[in-house]
Amino acid sequence: MFDNDKIYLTDDPALKVLGSYSTLSHWRSEGRGPSYVKLGSRVAYCGRELNRWLATRTIQPKDQAA
């Protein structure tokens, strides 16, 4: 979903699929959500880490053919 080799700053529109800016900020303050890096006062997300985090959120539905 995210480009593994790209760095996404918090104002990148691609991050909207994860939630709003305030949601991401809230997650960071609680130590939740995807890994991030601090670049001075700015926050950035590595595409590879975003994809890794999303993979941990994958839910496989139970087989309903019974």
N, C-alpha and C. Protein backbone atom coordinates (compact mmCIF):
# COMPACT_ATOMS: atom_id res chain seq x y z
N MET A 1 0.82 -1.20 0.00
CA MET A 1 0.00 0.00 0.00
C MET A 1 0.86 1.27 0.00
N PHE A 2 1.84 1.33 0.90
CA PHE A 2 2.76 2.47 0.94
C PHE A 2 4.06 2.08 0.23
N ASP A 3 4.72 3.06 -0.35
CA ASP A 3 6.01 2.84 -1.01
C ASP A 3 7.05 2.58 0.07
N ASN A 4 7.65 1.40 0.07
CA ASN A 4 8.61 1.01 1.10
C ASN A 4 9.79 1.97 1.22
N ASP A 5 10.17 2.61 0.14
CA ASP A 5 11.35 3.47 0.13
C ASP A 5 11.04 4.95 0.32
N LYS A 6 9.81 5.26 0.65
CA LYS A 6 9.41 6.67 0.80
C LYS A 6 9.28 7.03 2.27
N ILE A 7 9.58 8.28 2.58
CA ILE A 7 9.35 8.84 3.91
C ILE A 7 8.10 9.72 3.81
N TYR A 8 7.15 9.49 4.68
CA TYR A 8 5.89 10.23 4.68
C TYR A 8 5.85 11.19 5.86
N LEU A 9 5.79 12.48 5.57
CA LEU A 9 5.62 13.47 6.62
C LEU A 9 4.14 13.49 7.03
N THR A 10 3.86 14.01 8.21
CA THR A 10 2.50 13.93 8.75
C THR A 10 1.46 14.66 7.90
N ASP A 11 1.89 15.59 7.06
CA ASP A 11 0.92 16.30 6.22
C ASP A 11 0.72 15.62 4.86
N ASP A 12 1.32 14.45 4.66
CA ASP A 12 1.17 13.73 3.39
C ASP A 12 -0.25 13.17 3.28
N PRO A 13 -0.96 13.48 2.21
CA PRO A 13 -2.34 13.00 2.05
C PRO A 13 -2.47 11.48 2.07
N ALA A 14 -1.42 10.75 1.73
CA ALA A 14 -1.47 9.28 1.74
C ALA A 14 -1.74 8.74 3.14
N LEU A 15 -1.36 9.48 4.17
CA LEU A 15 -1.56 9.02 5.55
C LEU A 15 -3.02 9.08 5.99
N LYS A 16 -3.85 9.77 5.24
CA LYS A 16 -5.27 9.88 5.59
C LYS A 16 -5.96 8.53 5.69
N VAL A 17 -5.45 7.51 4.98
CA VAL A 17 -6.07 6.19 5.06
C VAL A 17 -5.90 5.58 6.46
N LEU A 18 -4.92 6.05 7.22
CA LEU A 18 -4.72 5.56 8.58
C LEU A 18 -5.58 6.29 9.59
N GLY A 19 -5.91 7.52 9.30
CA GLY A 19 -6.68 8.35 10.21
C GLY A 19 -6.30 9.80 10.03
N SER A 20 -6.96 10.64 10.78
CA SER A 20 -6.69 12.07 10.68
C SER A 20 -5.35 12.41 11.33
N TYR A 21 -4.89 13.61 11.09
CA TYR A 21 -3.65 14.09 11.72
C TYR A 21 -3.77 13.97 13.23
N SER A 22 -4.93 14.34 13.78
CA SER A 22 -5.09 14.30 15.24
C SER A 22 -5.11 12.86 15.76
N THR A 23 -5.65 11.93 14.99
CA THR A 23 -5.63 10.52 15.39
C THR A 23 -4.19 10.02 15.47
N LEU A 24 -3.40 10.31 14.44
CA LEU A 24 -2.00 9.88 14.44
C LEU A 24 -1.25 10.52 15.61
N SER A 25 -1.51 11.78 15.88
CA SER A 25 -0.88 12.48 16.99
C SER A 25 -1.27 11.83 18.32
N HIS A 26 -2.53 11.51 18.46
CA HIS A 26 -3.03 10.86 19.68
C HIS A 26 -2.35 9.50 19.87
N TRP A 27 -2.27 8.72 18.81
CA TRP A 27 -1.60 7.42 18.90
C TRP A 27 -0.15 7.58 19.34
N ARG A 28 0.55 8.57 18.76
CA ARG A 28 1.95 8.78 19.14
C ARG A 28 2.07 9.12 20.62
N SER A 29 1.17 9.95 21.11
CA SER A 29 1.24 10.36 22.52
C SER A 29 0.95 9.19 23.46
N GLU A 30 0.21 8.20 22.98
CA GLU A 30 -0.10 7.01 23.79
C GLU A 30 0.85 5.85 23.53
N GLY A 31 1.81 6.04 22.62
CA GLY A 31 2.73 4.96 22.29
C GLY A 31 2.10 3.87 21.45
N ARG A 32 1.06 4.23 20.69
CA ARG A 32 0.36 3.29 19.82
C ARG A 32 0.62 3.66 18.37
N GLY A 33 0.08 2.87 17.46
CA GLY A 33 0.16 3.19 16.04
C GLY A 33 1.48 2.77 15.43
N PRO A 34 1.69 3.17 14.20
CA PRO A 34 2.92 2.78 13.49
C PRO A 34 4.15 3.48 14.04
N SER A 35 5.30 2.83 13.84
CA SER A 35 6.58 3.44 14.23
C SER A 35 6.79 4.74 13.45
N TYR A 36 7.47 5.68 14.07
CA TYR A 36 7.74 6.96 13.42
C TYR A 36 9.12 7.44 13.82
N VAL A 37 9.60 8.43 13.10
CA VAL A 37 10.88 9.05 13.42
C VAL A 37 10.68 10.54 13.62
N LYS A 38 11.53 11.12 14.45
CA LYS A 38 11.51 12.56 14.67
C LYS A 38 12.64 13.16 13.84
N LEU A 39 12.31 14.16 13.05
CA LEU A 39 13.28 14.90 12.25
C LEU A 39 13.25 16.33 12.76
N GLY A 40 14.02 16.60 13.78
CA GLY A 40 13.92 17.89 14.44
C GLY A 40 12.59 17.94 15.16
N SER A 41 11.76 18.90 14.81
CA SER A 41 10.44 19.00 15.42
C SER A 41 9.36 18.31 14.58
N ARG A 42 9.75 17.79 13.43
CA ARG A 42 8.79 17.12 12.53
C ARG A 42 8.75 15.63 12.78
N VAL A 43 7.62 15.04 12.44
CA VAL A 43 7.41 13.60 12.56
C VAL A 43 7.29 13.03 11.16
N ALA A 44 7.89 11.87 10.96
CA ALA A 44 7.81 11.21 9.66
C ALA A 44 7.61 9.71 9.86
N TYR A 45 7.04 9.10 8.85
CA TYR A 45 6.80 7.66 8.86
C TYR A 45 7.50 7.05 7.65
N CYS A 46 8.19 5.93 7.87
CA CYS A 46 8.83 5.20 6.79
C CYS A 46 7.79 4.27 6.17
N GLY A 47 7.69 4.27 4.86
CA GLY A 47 6.72 3.44 4.17
C GLY A 47 6.82 1.97 4.55
N ARG A 48 8.03 1.47 4.69
CA ARG A 48 8.24 0.07 5.07
C ARG A 48 7.61 -0.23 6.44
N GLU A 49 7.79 0.68 7.38
CA GLU A 49 7.21 0.50 8.72
C GLU A 49 5.69 0.62 8.70
N LEU A 50 5.17 1.51 7.86
CA LEU A 50 3.72 1.62 7.74
C LEU A 50 3.12 0.33 7.20
N ASN A 51 3.75 -0.25 6.19
CA ASN A 51 3.28 -1.51 5.63
C ASN A 51 3.37 -2.64 6.65
N ARG A 52 4.46 -2.66 7.42
CA ARG A 52 4.63 -3.68 8.46
C ARG A 52 3.53 -3.55 9.52
N TRP A 53 3.24 -2.32 9.93
CA TRP A 53 2.20 -2.09 10.94
C TRP A 53 0.83 -2.50 10.40
N LEU A 54 0.55 -2.14 9.15
CA LEU A 54 -0.73 -2.53 8.56
C LEU A 54 -0.88 -4.04 8.50
N ALA A 55 0.20 -4.75 8.21
CA ALA A 55 0.14 -6.21 8.14
C ALA A 55 -0.26 -6.81 9.49
N THR A 56 0.13 -6.16 10.58
CA THR A 56 -0.25 -6.67 11.91
C THR A 56 -1.71 -6.41 12.22
N ARG A 57 -2.36 -5.59 11.42
CA ARG A 57 -3.77 -5.25 11.63
C ARG A 57 -4.70 -6.07 10.73
N THR A 58 -4.14 -6.97 9.95
CA THR A 58 -4.93 -7.77 9.03
C THR A 58 -5.75 -8.81 9.80
N ILE A 59 -7.02 -8.84 9.54
CA ILE A 59 -7.93 -9.78 10.18
C ILE A 59 -8.47 -10.73 9.12
N GLN A 60 -8.30 -12.01 9.37
CA GLN A 60 -8.80 -13.02 8.45
C GLN A 60 -10.18 -13.46 8.95
N PRO A 61 -11.23 -13.23 8.15
CA PRO A 61 -12.56 -13.66 8.59
C PRO A 61 -12.64 -15.18 8.65
N LYS A 62 -13.48 -15.65 9.56
CA LYS A 62 -13.69 -17.09 9.68
C LYS A 62 -14.45 -17.59 8.45
N ASP A 63 -14.18 -18.81 8.07
CA ASP A 63 -14.86 -19.42 6.93
C ASP A 63 -16.34 -19.60 7.29
N GLN A 64 -17.22 -19.02 6.50
CA GLN A 64 -18.64 -19.04 6.80
C GLN A 64 -19.36 -20.19 6.08
N ALA A 65 -18.62 -21.02 5.36
CA ALA A 65 -19.22 -22.13 4.60
C ALA A 65 -19.31 -23.36 5.48
N ALA A 66 -20.24 -23.37 6.42
CA ALA A 66 -20.39 -24.54 7.30
C ALA A 66 -21.79 -25.08 7.27
